[in-house]
């Protein structure tokens, strides 16, 4: 085999034909057998192209990788010494997860000569990062800002759309991909619930509150028809300016514009669509919901993920206790 030159200056990866074939077979397996989303598949592709390019540069066959070589590669990700960008611990863990899956696949297909070397490679420790939810007042300010018409074509209709989108993000705790993926038939007004398609094409039914339903009805009645007139017809609920399904990037921009207009002041972290999901979960727990119920509502595969939000709640309770209880005050 002829070694490749590794990552190019433009950031593109140079792979050998055999490695490209392995990569496409594995991604096809993930798409068909495991039903992974396109976003996840794209992330896996980027990580695996970087990995396979480095193996090609060293003239190593993916079927012959040993644990030490894989460990060395993980270290290069933190420094960027392979020619790519230096990655955080969480990004390294994500890349290693993609590579673990590839080697497990090669082992199961009896292609590997070394078994699954990734089983002997430890995952980098990731610092626990707690979400920073908005207060209820901040959420209300954000929603109000989203519903304020701007300028330009269909500005009033887009304001109805933006308010409905943010009401749903906060009102049902949807991921941004789940919200923009909603179709008209996914909403059951009689049962006051919607069907969300989560990671791995897993479906869940979640209840919708009055405010979110009212915002959605207003948009579907007075906003969506004007936006739909610019397109050829689609079942998508949330539409862009061309009458097609709202893109993920456009939805992010909706949240960013609302955050700027709401003038929420200095915040610990920038506001994103996921901020509303964090706020939804935290406010539920503050209101007395149990962790298992919140886990189901969020569509978390593991309750461990949901328990991050309980820590936020405990911290706020600790502050309340410290400020109100006579035996908790400093100097008492």
C-alpha atoms as a PDB file:
ATOM      1  CA  UNK A   1       0.000   0.000   0.000  1.00  0.00           C
ATOM      2  CA  UNK A   2       1.063   3.550  -0.719  1.00  0.00           C
ATOM      3  CA  UNK A   3       0.717   5.884   2.244  1.00  0.00           C
ATOM      4  CA  UNK A   4      -1.451   8.931   1.763  1.00  0.00           C
ATOM      5  CA  UNK A   5      -0.321  12.386   2.649  1.00  0.00           C
ATOM      6  CA  UNK A   6      -2.799  12.640   5.527  1.00  0.00           C
ATOM      7  CA  UNK A   7      -5.040  15.632   6.127  1.00  0.00           C
ATOM      8  CA  UNK A   8      -4.662  18.290   3.505  1.00  0.00           C
ATOM      9  CA  UNK A   9      -4.229  21.950   4.205  1.00  0.00           C
ATOM     10  CA  UNK A  10      -7.886  22.489   3.328  1.00  0.00           C
ATOM     11  CA  UNK A  11      -8.973  20.078   6.052  1.00  0.00           C
ATOM     12  CA  UNK A  12     -10.031  17.345   3.610  1.00  0.00           C
ATOM     13  CA  UNK A  13      -9.006  13.760   4.331  1.00  0.00           C
ATOM     14  CA  UNK A  14      -7.208  11.547   1.810  1.00  0.00           C
ATOM     15  CA  UNK A  15      -8.270   7.918   2.099  1.00  0.00           C
ATOM     16  CA  UNK A  16      -7.149   4.773   0.349  1.00  0.00           C
ATOM     17  CA  UNK A  17      -9.770   3.042  -1.833  1.00  0.00           C
ATOM     18  CA  UNK A  18      -9.973   0.068   0.517  1.00  0.00           C
ATOM     19  CA  UNK A  19     -10.471   2.325   3.531  1.00  0.00           C
ATOM     20  CA  UNK A  20     -13.163   4.273   1.707  1.00  0.00           C
ATOM     21  CA  UNK A  21     -14.972   1.017   0.973  1.00  0.00           C
ATOM     22  CA  UNK A  22     -14.805  -0.022   4.640  1.00  0.00           C
ATOM     23  CA  UNK A  23     -16.059   3.382   5.735  1.00  0.00           C
ATOM     24  CA  UNK A  24     -19.040   3.321   3.376  1.00  0.00           C
ATOM     25  CA  UNK A  25     -19.949  -0.229   4.410  1.00  0.00           C
ATOM     26  CA  UNK A  26     -19.890   0.728   8.078  1.00  0.00           C
ATOM     27  CA  UNK A  27     -21.912   3.920   7.599  1.00  0.00           C
ATOM     28  CA  UNK A  28     -24.437   1.960   5.542  1.00  0.00           C
ATOM     29  CA  UNK A  29     -24.675  -0.528   8.426  1.00  0.00           C
ATOM     30  CA  UNK A  30     -25.331   2.315  10.880  1.00  0.00           C
ATOM     31  CA  UNK A  31     -27.956   3.860   8.647  1.00  0.00           C
ATOM     32  CA  UNK A  32     -29.850   0.659   7.808  1.00  0.00           C
ATOM     33  CA  UNK A  33     -29.365  -1.562  10.854  1.00  0.00           C
ATOM     34  CA  UNK A  34     -29.273   1.057  13.609  1.00  0.00           C
ATOM     35  CA  UNK A  35     -31.279   3.845  12.029  1.00  0.00           C
ATOM     36  CA  UNK A  36     -28.906   6.643  13.036  1.00  0.00           C
ATOM     37  CA  UNK A  37     -29.843  10.177  12.040  1.00  0.00           C
ATOM     38  CA  UNK A  38     -28.127  11.991   9.184  1.00  0.00           C
ATOM     39  CA  UNK A  39     -26.520  14.419  11.626  1.00  0.00           C
ATOM     40  CA  UNK A  40     -24.993  11.559  13.626  1.00  0.00           C
ATOM     41  CA  UNK A  41     -23.820   9.825  10.466  1.00  0.00           C
ATOM     42  CA  UNK A  42     -22.158  13.031   9.266  1.00  0.00           C
ATOM     43  CA  UNK A  43     -20.324  13.392  12.587  1.00  0.00           C
ATOM     44  CA  UNK A  44     -19.178   9.753  12.436  1.00  0.00           C
ATOM     45  CA  UNK A  45     -17.973  10.253   8.876  1.00  0.00           C
ATOM     46  CA  UNK A  46     -15.828  13.254   9.841  1.00  0.00           C
ATOM     47  CA  UNK A  47     -14.239  11.439  12.787  1.00  0.00           C
ATOM     48  CA  UNK A  48     -13.614   8.225  10.873  1.00  0.00           C
ATOM     49  CA  UNK A  49     -12.169  10.002   7.850  1.00  0.00           C
ATOM     50  CA  UNK A  50      -9.664  11.677  10.150  1.00  0.00           C
ATOM     51  CA  UNK A  51      -8.814   8.337  11.761  1.00  0.00           C
ATOM     52  CA  UNK A  52      -8.482   6.417   8.502  1.00  0.00           C
ATOM     53  CA  UNK A  53      -6.408   9.195   6.951  1.00  0.00           C
ATOM     54  CA  UNK A  54      -3.947   8.964   9.836  1.00  0.00           C
ATOM     55  CA  UNK A  55      -3.735   5.170   9.437  1.00  0.00           C
ATOM     56  CA  UNK A  56      -3.127   5.643   5.720  1.00  0.00           C
ATOM     57  CA  UNK A  57      -0.358   8.144   6.434  1.00  0.00           C
ATOM     58  CA  UNK A  58       1.325   5.545   8.652  1.00  0.00           C
ATOM     59  CA  UNK A  59       0.598   2.779   6.120  1.00  0.00           C
ATOM     60  CA  UNK A  60      -1.467   0.790   8.649  1.00  0.00           C
ATOM     61  CA  UNK A  61      -4.444  -1.333   7.642  1.00  0.00           C
ATOM     62  CA  UNK A  62      -7.559  -0.758   9.813  1.00  0.00           C
ATOM     63  CA  UNK A  63      -7.765  -4.535  10.267  1.00  0.00           C
ATOM     64  CA  UNK A  64      -4.293  -4.634  11.834  1.00  0.00           C
ATOM     65  CA  UNK A  65      -4.557  -1.848  14.424  1.00  0.00           C
ATOM     66  CA  UNK A  66      -3.392  -2.693  17.942  1.00  0.00           C
ATOM     67  CA  UNK A  67      -4.501  -0.970  21.192  1.00  0.00           C
ATOM     68  CA  UNK A  68      -1.294   1.048  21.551  1.00  0.00           C
ATOM     69  CA  UNK A  69      -1.562   2.545  18.093  1.00  0.00           C
ATOM     70  CA  UNK A  70      -5.175   3.504  18.774  1.00  0.00           C
ATOM     71  CA  UNK A  71      -4.206   5.010  22.134  1.00  0.00           C
ATOM     72  CA  UNK A  72      -1.504   7.065  20.412  1.00  0.00           C
ATOM     73  CA  UNK A  73      -4.046   8.343  17.897  1.00  0.00           C
ATOM     74  CA  UNK A  74      -6.387   9.444  20.684  1.00  0.00           C
ATOM     75  CA  UNK A  75      -3.543  11.496  22.118  1.00  0.00           C
ATOM     76  CA  UNK A  76      -2.952  13.210  18.774  1.00  0.00           C
ATOM     77  CA  UNK A  77      -6.546  14.406  18.786  1.00  0.00           C
ATOM     78  CA  UNK A  78      -5.950  16.456  21.928  1.00  0.00           C
ATOM     79  CA  UNK A  79      -2.918  18.186  20.415  1.00  0.00           C
ATOM     80  CA  UNK A  80      -3.822  18.216  16.727  1.00  0.00           C
ATOM     81  CA  UNK A  81      -0.453  16.700  15.888  1.00  0.00           C
ATOM     82  CA  UNK A  82      -2.064  14.634  13.125  1.00  0.00           C
ATOM     83  CA  UNK A  83      -2.647  17.850  11.184  1.00  0.00           C
ATOM     84  CA  UNK A  84      -6.244  18.338  12.268  1.00  0.00           C
ATOM     85  CA  UNK A  85      -7.758  20.630  14.861  1.00  0.00           C
ATOM     86  CA  UNK A  86      -7.044  19.972  18.552  1.00  0.00           C
ATOM     87  CA  UNK A  87     -10.193  18.555  20.152  1.00  0.00           C
ATOM     88  CA  UNK A  88     -11.744  18.885  23.590  1.00  0.00           C
ATOM     89  CA  UNK A  89     -12.165  15.837  25.811  1.00  0.00           C
ATOM     90  CA  UNK A  90     -15.819  15.517  24.849  1.00  0.00           C
ATOM     91  CA  UNK A  91     -14.998  15.680  21.120  1.00  0.00           C
ATOM     92  CA  UNK A  92     -12.235  13.088  21.574  1.00  0.00           C
ATOM     93  CA  UNK A  93     -14.717  10.815  23.360  1.00  0.00           C
ATOM     94  CA  UNK A  94     -17.133  11.221  20.459  1.00  0.00           C
ATOM     95  CA  UNK A  95     -14.414  10.389  17.922  1.00  0.00           C
ATOM     96  CA  UNK A  96     -13.322   7.359  19.934  1.00  0.00           C
ATOM     97  CA  UNK A  97     -16.941   6.162  20.079  1.00  0.00           C
ATOM     98  CA  UNK A  98     -17.065   6.277  16.273  1.00  0.00           C
ATOM     99  CA  UNK A  99     -13.794   4.348  16.018  1.00  0.00           C
ATOM    100  CA  UNK A 100     -14.932   1.791  18.615  1.00  0.00           C
ATOM    101  CA  UNK A 101     -17.987   1.148  16.475  1.00  0.00           C
ATOM    102  CA  UNK A 102     -15.877   0.677  13.354  1.00  0.00           C
ATOM    103  CA  UNK A 103     -13.534  -1.822  14.999  1.00  0.00           C
ATOM    104  CA  UNK A 104     -16.449  -3.699  16.547  1.00  0.00           C
ATOM    105  CA  UNK A 105     -17.963  -3.888  13.065  1.00  0.00           C
ATOM    106  CA  UNK A 106     -14.717  -5.168  11.531  1.00  0.00           C
ATOM    107  CA  UNK A 107     -14.412  -7.742  14.305  1.00  0.00           C
ATOM    108  CA  UNK A 108     -17.997  -8.943  13.824  1.00  0.00           C
ATOM    109  CA  UNK A 109     -17.427  -9.198  10.074  1.00  0.00           C
ATOM    110  CA  UNK A 110     -14.262 -11.243  10.779  1.00  0.00           C
ATOM    111  CA  UNK A 111     -12.143  -8.722   8.898  1.00  0.00           C
ATOM    112  CA  UNK A 112      -9.908  -7.724  11.798  1.00  0.00           C
ATOM    113  CA  UNK A 113      -6.733  -9.677  12.521  1.00  0.00           C
ATOM    114  CA  UNK A 114      -6.391  -8.200  16.008  1.00  0.00           C
ATOM    115  CA  UNK A 115      -9.953  -8.536  17.280  1.00  0.00           C
ATOM    116  CA  UNK A 116     -11.373  -5.292  18.637  1.00  0.00           C
ATOM    117  CA  UNK A 117      -8.399  -3.197  19.856  1.00  0.00           C
ATOM    118  CA  UNK A 118     -10.658  -0.390  21.061  1.00  0.00           C
ATOM    119  CA  UNK A 119     -11.849  -2.462  24.034  1.00  0.00           C
ATOM    120  CA  UNK A 120      -8.476  -1.902  25.689  1.00  0.00           C
ATOM    121  CA  UNK A 121      -8.416   1.863  25.086  1.00  0.00           C
ATOM    122  CA  UNK A 122      -9.848   3.987  27.939  1.00  0.00           C
ATOM    123  CA  UNK A 123     -12.309   6.760  27.171  1.00  0.00           C
ATOM    124  CA  UNK A 124     -11.026  10.248  28.099  1.00  0.00           C
ATOM    125  CA  UNK A 125     -12.639  11.605  31.253  1.00  0.00           C
ATOM    126  CA  UNK A 126     -15.062  14.412  30.508  1.00  0.00           C
ATOM    127  CA  UNK A 127     -15.710  17.156  33.045  1.00  0.00           C
ATOM    128  CA  UNK A 128     -19.344  17.249  34.105  1.00  0.00           C
ATOM    129  CA  UNK A 129     -20.959  20.313  32.580  1.00  0.00           C
ATOM    130  CA  UNK A 130     -24.283  21.336  34.014  1.00  0.00           C
ATOM    131  CA  UNK A 131     -26.790  23.123  31.807  1.00  0.00           C
ATOM    132  CA  UNK A 132     -27.626  26.749  32.468  1.00  0.00           C
ATOM    133  CA  UNK A 133     -31.411  27.039  32.273  1.00  0.00           C
ATOM    134  CA  UNK A 134     -33.261  30.297  31.876  1.00  0.00           C
ATOM    135  CA  UNK A 135     -35.581  31.594  34.568  1.00  0.00           C
ATOM    136  CA  UNK A 136     -39.296  31.564  33.836  1.00  0.00           C
ATOM    137  CA  UNK A 137     -39.236  35.357  33.381  1.00  0.00           C
ATOM    138  CA  UNK A 138     -36.369  35.044  30.904  1.00  0.00           C
ATOM    139  CA  UNK A 139     -38.230  32.372  28.947  1.00  0.00           C
ATOM    140  CA  UNK A 140     -41.305  34.575  28.747  1.00  0.00           C
ATOM    141  CA  UNK A 141     -39.192  37.488  27.520  1.00  0.00           C
ATOM    142  CA  UNK A 142     -37.636  35.257  24.870  1.00  0.00           C
ATOM    143  CA  UNK A 143     -41.033  34.026  23.675  1.00  0.00           C
ATOM    144  CA  UNK A 144     -42.416  37.541  23.517  1.00  0.00           C
ATOM    145  CA  UNK A 145     -39.426  38.716  21.479  1.00  0.00           C
ATOM    146  CA  UNK A 146     -39.832  35.814  19.061  1.00  0.00           C
ATOM    147  CA  UNK A 147     -43.428  36.836  18.356  1.00  0.00           C
ATOM    148  CA  UNK A 148     -42.602  40.455  17.510  1.00  0.00           C
ATOM    149  CA  UNK A 149     -42.788  41.033  13.723  1.00  0.00           C
ATOM    150  CA  UNK A 150     -39.698  42.302  11.985  1.00  0.00           C
ATOM    151  CA  UNK A 151     -39.494  43.725   8.474  1.00  0.00           C
ATOM    152  CA  UNK A 152     -39.609  42.296   4.997  1.00  0.00           C
ATOM    153  CA  UNK A 153     -41.817  39.823   3.187  1.00  0.00           C
ATOM    154  CA  UNK A 154     -44.115  37.725   5.388  1.00  0.00           C
ATOM    155  CA  UNK A 155     -42.715  39.327   8.539  1.00  0.00           C
ATOM    156  CA  UNK A 156     -45.978  38.896  10.474  1.00  0.00           C
ATOM    157  CA  UNK A 157     -46.297  35.284   9.340  1.00  0.00           C
ATOM    158  CA  UNK A 158     -42.682  34.548  10.260  1.00  0.00           C
ATOM    159  CA  UNK A 159     -43.238  36.047  13.704  1.00  0.00           C
ATOM    160  CA  UNK A 160     -46.148  33.641  14.254  1.00  0.00           C
ATOM    161  CA  UNK A 161     -43.886  30.792  13.143  1.00  0.00           C
ATOM    162  CA  UNK A 162     -41.027  31.846  15.385  1.00  0.00           C
ATOM    163  CA  UNK A 163     -43.273  32.152  18.438  1.00  0.00           C
ATOM    164  CA  UNK A 164     -44.794  28.720  17.766  1.00  0.00           C
ATOM    165  CA  UNK A 165     -41.349  27.168  17.292  1.00  0.00           C
ATOM    166  CA  UNK A 166     -39.982  28.519  20.572  1.00  0.00           C
ATOM    167  CA  UNK A 167     -43.197  27.698  22.443  1.00  0.00           C
ATOM    168  CA  UNK A 168     -42.778  24.081  21.323  1.00  0.00           C
ATOM    169  CA  UNK A 169     -39.057  23.939  22.107  1.00  0.00           C
ATOM    170  CA  UNK A 170     -39.813  25.052  25.652  1.00  0.00           C
ATOM    171  CA  UNK A 171     -43.300  23.569  26.004  1.00  0.00           C
ATOM    172  CA  UNK A 172     -42.384  19.986  25.094  1.00  0.00           C
ATOM    173  CA  UNK A 173     -38.603  19.942  25.537  1.00  0.00           C
ATOM    174  CA  UNK A 174     -38.007  18.996  21.922  1.00  0.00           C
ATOM    175  CA  UNK A 175     -34.579  18.833  20.337  1.00  0.00           C
ATOM    176  CA  UNK A 176     -34.249  21.276  17.462  1.00  0.00           C
ATOM    177  CA  UNK A 177     -34.115  18.408  14.951  1.00  0.00           C
ATOM    178  CA  UNK A 178     -37.315  16.980  16.433  1.00  0.00           C
ATOM    179  CA  UNK A 179     -39.140  20.302  16.252  1.00  0.00           C
ATOM    180  CA  UNK A 180     -38.289  21.091  12.633  1.00  0.00           C
ATOM    181  CA  UNK A 181     -38.994  17.455  11.750  1.00  0.00           C
ATOM    182  CA  UNK A 182     -42.637  17.736  12.813  1.00  0.00           C
ATOM    183  CA  UNK A 183     -45.294  17.144  10.166  1.00  0.00           C
ATOM    184  CA  UNK A 184     -48.915  18.274  10.256  1.00  0.00           C
ATOM    185  CA  UNK A 185     -50.164  14.793  11.143  1.00  0.00           C
ATOM    186  CA  UNK A 186     -47.834  14.604  14.148  1.00  0.00           C
ATOM    187  CA  UNK A 187     -50.040  16.952  16.181  1.00  0.00           C
ATOM    188  CA  UNK A 188     -53.158  15.576  17.890  1.00  0.00           C
ATOM    189  CA  UNK A 189     -55.132  18.566  19.138  1.00  0.00           C
ATOM    190  CA  UNK A 190     -57.878  16.400  20.688  1.00  0.00           C
ATOM    191  CA  UNK A 191     -55.379  14.479  22.831  1.00  0.00           C
ATOM    192  CA  UNK A 192     -53.168  17.583  23.248  1.00  0.00           C
ATOM    193  CA  UNK A 193     -49.987  15.737  22.308  1.00  0.00           C
ATOM    194  CA  UNK A 194     -47.404  15.457  19.523  1.00  0.00           C
ATOM    195  CA  UNK A 195     -45.287  12.655  18.132  1.00  0.00           C
ATOM    196  CA  UNK A 196     -41.556  13.390  18.177  1.00  0.00           C
ATOM    197  CA  UNK A 197     -38.977  11.458  16.177  1.00  0.00           C
ATOM    198  CA  UNK A 198     -35.828  11.325  18.275  1.00  0.00           C
ATOM    199  CA  UNK A 199     -32.356   9.856  17.909  1.00  0.00           C
ATOM    200  CA  UNK A 200     -32.205   6.554  16.083  1.00  0.00           C
ATOM    201  CA  UNK A 201     -35.683   7.245  14.640  1.00  0.00           C
ATOM    202  CA  UNK A 202     -37.224   6.431  18.020  1.00  0.00           C
ATOM    203  CA  UNK A 203     -40.700   7.873  18.443  1.00  0.00           C
ATOM    204  CA  UNK A 204     -42.262   9.222  21.609  1.00  0.00           C
ATOM    205  CA  UNK A 205     -45.545  10.926  22.401  1.00  0.00           C
ATOM    206  CA  UNK A 206     -45.374  14.028  24.590  1.00  0.00           C
ATOM    207  CA  UNK A 207     -48.156  16.234  25.971  1.00  0.00           C
ATOM    208  CA  UNK A 208     -48.476  19.834  24.792  1.00  0.00           C
ATOM    209  CA  UNK A 209     -49.617  22.681  27.030  1.00  0.00           C
ATOM    210  CA  UNK A 210     -52.242  25.308  26.225  1.00  0.00           C
ATOM    211  CA  UNK A 211     -49.803  28.118  25.404  1.00  0.00           C
ATOM    212  CA  UNK A 212     -47.866  26.033  22.894  1.00  0.00           C
ATOM    213  CA  UNK A 213     -51.063  24.780  21.238  1.00  0.00           C
ATOM    214  CA  UNK A 214     -52.465  28.297  20.971  1.00  0.00           C
ATOM    215  CA  UNK A 215     -49.236  29.563  19.393  1.00  0.00           C
ATOM    216  CA  UNK A 216     -49.201  26.610  17.015  1.00  0.00           C
ATOM    217  CA  UNK A 217     -52.828  27.126  16.013  1.00  0.00           C
ATOM    218  CA  UNK A 218     -52.208  30.827  15.369  1.00  0.00           C
ATOM    219  CA  UNK A 219     -49.254  29.994  13.126  1.00  0.00           C
ATOM    220  CA  UNK A 220     -51.035  27.198  11.232  1.00  0.00           C
ATOM    221  CA  UNK A 221     -54.070  29.391  10.648  1.00  0.00           C
ATOM    222  CA  UNK A 222     -52.562  32.801   9.906  1.00  0.00           C
ATOM    223  CA  UNK A 223     -48.878  32.184   9.211  1.00  0.00           C
ATOM    224  CA  UNK A 224     -48.129  28.891   7.506  1.00  0.00           C
ATOM    225  CA  UNK A 225     -50.466  29.335   4.478  1.00  0.00           C
ATOM    226  CA  UNK A 226     -48.543  32.416   3.310  1.00  0.00           C
ATOM    227  CA  UNK A 227     -45.186  30.652   3.684  1.00  0.00           C
ATOM    228  CA  UNK A 228     -46.502  27.484   2.018  1.00  0.00           C
ATOM    229  CA  UNK A 229     -47.570  29.533  -1.009  1.00  0.00           C
ATOM    230  CA  UNK A 230     -43.891  30.060  -1.879  1.00  0.00           C
ATOM    231  CA  UNK A 231     -43.244  26.311  -2.192  1.00  0.00           C
ATOM    232  CA  UNK A 232     -44.504  23.228  -4.006  1.00  0.00           C
ATOM    233  CA  UNK A 233     -46.231  21.694  -1.012  1.00  0.00           C
ATOM    234  CA  UNK A 234     -44.881  19.851   2.019  1.00  0.00           C
ATOM    235  CA  UNK A 235     -46.275  18.234   5.162  1.00  0.00           C
ATOM    236  CA  UNK A 236     -43.725  20.023   7.341  1.00  0.00           C
ATOM    237  CA  UNK A 237     -45.174  22.261  10.042  1.00  0.00           C
ATOM    238  CA  UNK A 238     -42.371  24.799  10.186  1.00  0.00           C
ATOM    239  CA  UNK A 239     -41.553  26.371   6.826  1.00  0.00           C
ATOM    240  CA  UNK A 240     -38.840  28.676   5.613  1.00  0.00           C
ATOM    241  CA  UNK A 241     -39.133  31.640   3.270  1.00  0.00           C
ATOM    242  CA  UNK A 242     -39.201  29.349   0.215  1.00  0.00           C
ATOM    243  CA  UNK A 243     -42.060  27.249   1.507  1.00  0.00           C
ATOM    244  CA  UNK A 244     -39.840  24.261   2.267  1.00  0.00           C
ATOM    245  CA  UNK A 245     -39.114  22.671   5.634  1.00  0.00           C
ATOM    246  CA  UNK A 246     -37.285  25.035   7.972  1.00  0.00           C
ATOM    247  CA  UNK A 247     -33.608  24.122   8.143  1.00  0.00           C
ATOM    248  CA  UNK A 248     -31.681  23.503  11.330  1.00  0.00           C
ATOM    249  CA  UNK A 249     -29.513  26.544  10.672  1.00  0.00           C
ATOM    250  CA  UNK A 250     -32.538  28.793  10.106  1.00  0.00           C
ATOM    251  CA  UNK A 251     -34.120  27.533  13.342  1.00  0.00           C
ATOM    252  CA  UNK A 252     -30.921  28.390  15.231  1.00  0.00           C
ATOM    253  CA  UNK A 253     -31.073  31.884  13.764  1.00  0.00           C
ATOM    254  CA  UNK A 254     -34.658  32.258  14.994  1.00  0.00           C
ATOM    255  CA  UNK A 255     -33.516  31.557  18.545  1.00  0.00           C
ATOM    256  CA  UNK A 256     -30.499  33.856  18.210  1.00  0.00           C
ATOM    257  CA  UNK A 257     -32.610  36.771  16.940  1.00  0.00           C
ATOM    258  CA  UNK A 258     -35.135  36.310  19.742  1.00  0.00           C
ATOM    259  CA  UNK A 259     -32.338  36.230  22.324  1.00  0.00           C
ATOM    260  CA  UNK A 260     -30.867  39.479  20.980  1.00  0.00           C
ATOM    261  CA  UNK A 261     -34.260  41.211  20.907  1.00  0.00           C
ATOM    262  CA  UNK A 262     -35.151  40.003  24.406  1.00  0.00           C
ATOM    263  CA  UNK A 263     -32.076  41.747  25.858  1.00  0.00           C
ATOM    264  CA  UNK A 264     -31.638  39.173  28.623  1.00  0.00           C
ATOM    265  CA  UNK A 265     -28.341  40.622  29.785  1.00  0.00           C
ATOM    266  CA  UNK A 266     -25.167  38.681  30.521  1.00  0.00           C
ATOM    267  CA  UNK A 267     -25.743  34.914  30.704  1.00  0.00           C
ATOM    268  CA  UNK A 268     -23.360  32.064  31.751  1.00  0.00           C
ATOM    269  CA  UNK A 269     -23.600  30.500  28.278  1.00  0.00           C
ATOM    270  CA  UNK A 270     -24.961  31.663  24.907  1.00  0.00           C
ATOM    271  CA  UNK A 271     -28.610  30.866  24.277  1.00  0.00           C
ATOM    272  CA  UNK A 272     -29.279  28.054  21.831  1.00  0.00           C
ATOM    273  CA  UNK A 273     -32.315  25.897  21.001  1.00  0.00           C
ATOM    274  CA  UNK A 274     -31.021  23.404  23.567  1.00  0.00           C
ATOM    275  CA  UNK A 275     -31.226  26.100  26.256  1.00  0.00           C
ATOM    276  CA  UNK A 276     -35.008  25.863  26.056  1.00  0.00           C
ATOM    277  CA  UNK A 277     -34.834  22.080  26.396  1.00  0.00           C
ATOM    278  CA  UNK A 278     -32.616  22.517  29.488  1.00  0.00           C
ATOM    279  CA  UNK A 279     -35.064  25.029  30.895  1.00  0.00           C
ATOM    280  CA  UNK A 280     -38.026  22.734  30.225  1.00  0.00           C
ATOM    281  CA  UNK A 281     -36.436  19.854  32.150  1.00  0.00           C
ATOM    282  CA  UNK A 282     -35.252  21.999  35.047  1.00  0.00           C
ATOM    283  CA  UNK A 283     -38.602  23.737  35.463  1.00  0.00           C
ATOM    284  CA  UNK A 284     -40.386  20.374  35.456  1.00  0.00           C
ATOM    285  CA  UNK A 285     -38.165  19.132  38.262  1.00  0.00           C
ATOM    286  CA  UNK A 286     -38.623  22.366  40.179  1.00  0.00           C
ATOM    287  CA  UNK A 287     -42.355  21.806  39.851  1.00  0.00           C
ATOM    288  CA  UNK A 288     -42.181  18.364  41.426  1.00  0.00           C
ATOM    289  CA  UNK A 289     -41.862  16.015  38.428  1.00  0.00           C
ATOM    290  CA  UNK A 290     -39.923  12.817  39.083  1.00  0.00           C
ATOM    291  CA  UNK A 291     -36.735  12.007  37.206  1.00  0.00           C
ATOM    292  CA  UNK A 292     -38.137   8.952  35.425  1.00  0.00           C
ATOM    293  CA  UNK A 293     -41.044  10.940  33.997  1.00  0.00           C
ATOM    294  CA  UNK A 294     -38.703  13.677  32.797  1.00  0.00           C
ATOM    295  CA  UNK A 295     -36.478  11.023  31.249  1.00  0.00           C
ATOM    296  CA  UNK A 296     -39.427   9.749  29.186  1.00  0.00           C
ATOM    297  CA  UNK A 297     -40.469  13.253  28.169  1.00  0.00           C
ATOM    298  CA  UNK A 298     -36.956  14.146  27.016  1.00  0.00           C
ATOM    299  CA  UNK A 299     -36.399  10.837  25.230  1.00  0.00           C
ATOM    300  CA  UNK A 300     -33.184  10.067  27.107  1.00  0.00           C
ATOM    301  CA  UNK A 301     -31.998   6.487  26.722  1.00  0.00           C
ATOM    302  CA  UNK A 302     -30.385   6.612  30.175  1.00  0.00           C
ATOM    303  CA  UNK A 303     -31.659   8.239  33.345  1.00  0.00           C
ATOM    304  CA  UNK A 304     -28.059   9.253  34.058  1.00  0.00           C
ATOM    305  CA  UNK A 305     -28.345  11.975  31.414  1.00  0.00           C
ATOM    306  CA  UNK A 306     -31.544  13.285  32.962  1.00  0.00           C
ATOM    307  CA  UNK A 307     -29.948  13.366  36.404  1.00  0.00           C
ATOM    308  CA  UNK A 308     -27.792  16.300  35.275  1.00  0.00           C
ATOM    309  CA  UNK A 309     -30.904  18.406  35.667  1.00  0.00           C
ATOM    310  CA  UNK A 310     -31.504  17.183  39.208  1.00  0.00           C
ATOM    311  CA  UNK A 311     -28.128  18.637  40.149  1.00  0.00           C
ATOM    312  CA  UNK A 312     -29.272  22.031  38.875  1.00  0.00           C
ATOM    313  CA  UNK A 313     -32.357  21.744  41.045  1.00  0.00           C
ATOM    314  CA  UNK A 314     -30.389  20.647  44.102  1.00  0.00           C
ATOM    315  CA  UNK A 315     -28.031  23.619  43.682  1.00  0.00           C
ATOM    316  CA  UNK A 316     -30.952  26.068  43.659  1.00  0.00           C
ATOM    317  CA  UNK A 317     -32.510  24.366  46.667  1.00  0.00           C
ATOM    318  CA  UNK A 318     -29.186  24.594  48.474  1.00  0.00           C
ATOM    319  CA  UNK A 319     -29.092  28.332  47.821  1.00  0.00           C
ATOM    320  CA  UNK A 320     -32.631  28.698  49.143  1.00  0.00           C
ATOM    321  CA  UNK A 321     -31.779  26.660  52.225  1.00  0.00           C
ATOM    322  CA  UNK A 322     -28.601  28.638  52.889  1.00  0.00           C
ATOM    323  CA  UNK A 323     -30.441  31.930  52.689  1.00  0.00           C
ATOM    324  CA  UNK A 324     -33.574  30.997  54.601  1.00  0.00           C
ATOM    325  CA  UNK A 325     -32.811  28.380  57.251  1.00  0.00           C
ATOM    326  CA  UNK A 326     -31.580  29.772  60.580  1.00  0.00           C
ATOM    327  CA  UNK A 327     -29.104  26.926  61.051  1.00  0.00           C
ATOM    328  CA  UNK A 328     -27.752  27.232  57.506  1.00  0.00           C
ATOM    329  CA  UNK A 329     -26.807  30.898  57.464  1.00  0.00           C
ATOM    330  CA  UNK A 330     -23.144  31.719  57.728  1.00  0.00           C
ATOM    331  CA  UNK A 331     -22.129  32.727  61.200  1.00  0.00           C
ATOM    332  CA  UNK A 332     -25.206  31.093  62.775  1.00  0.00           C
END
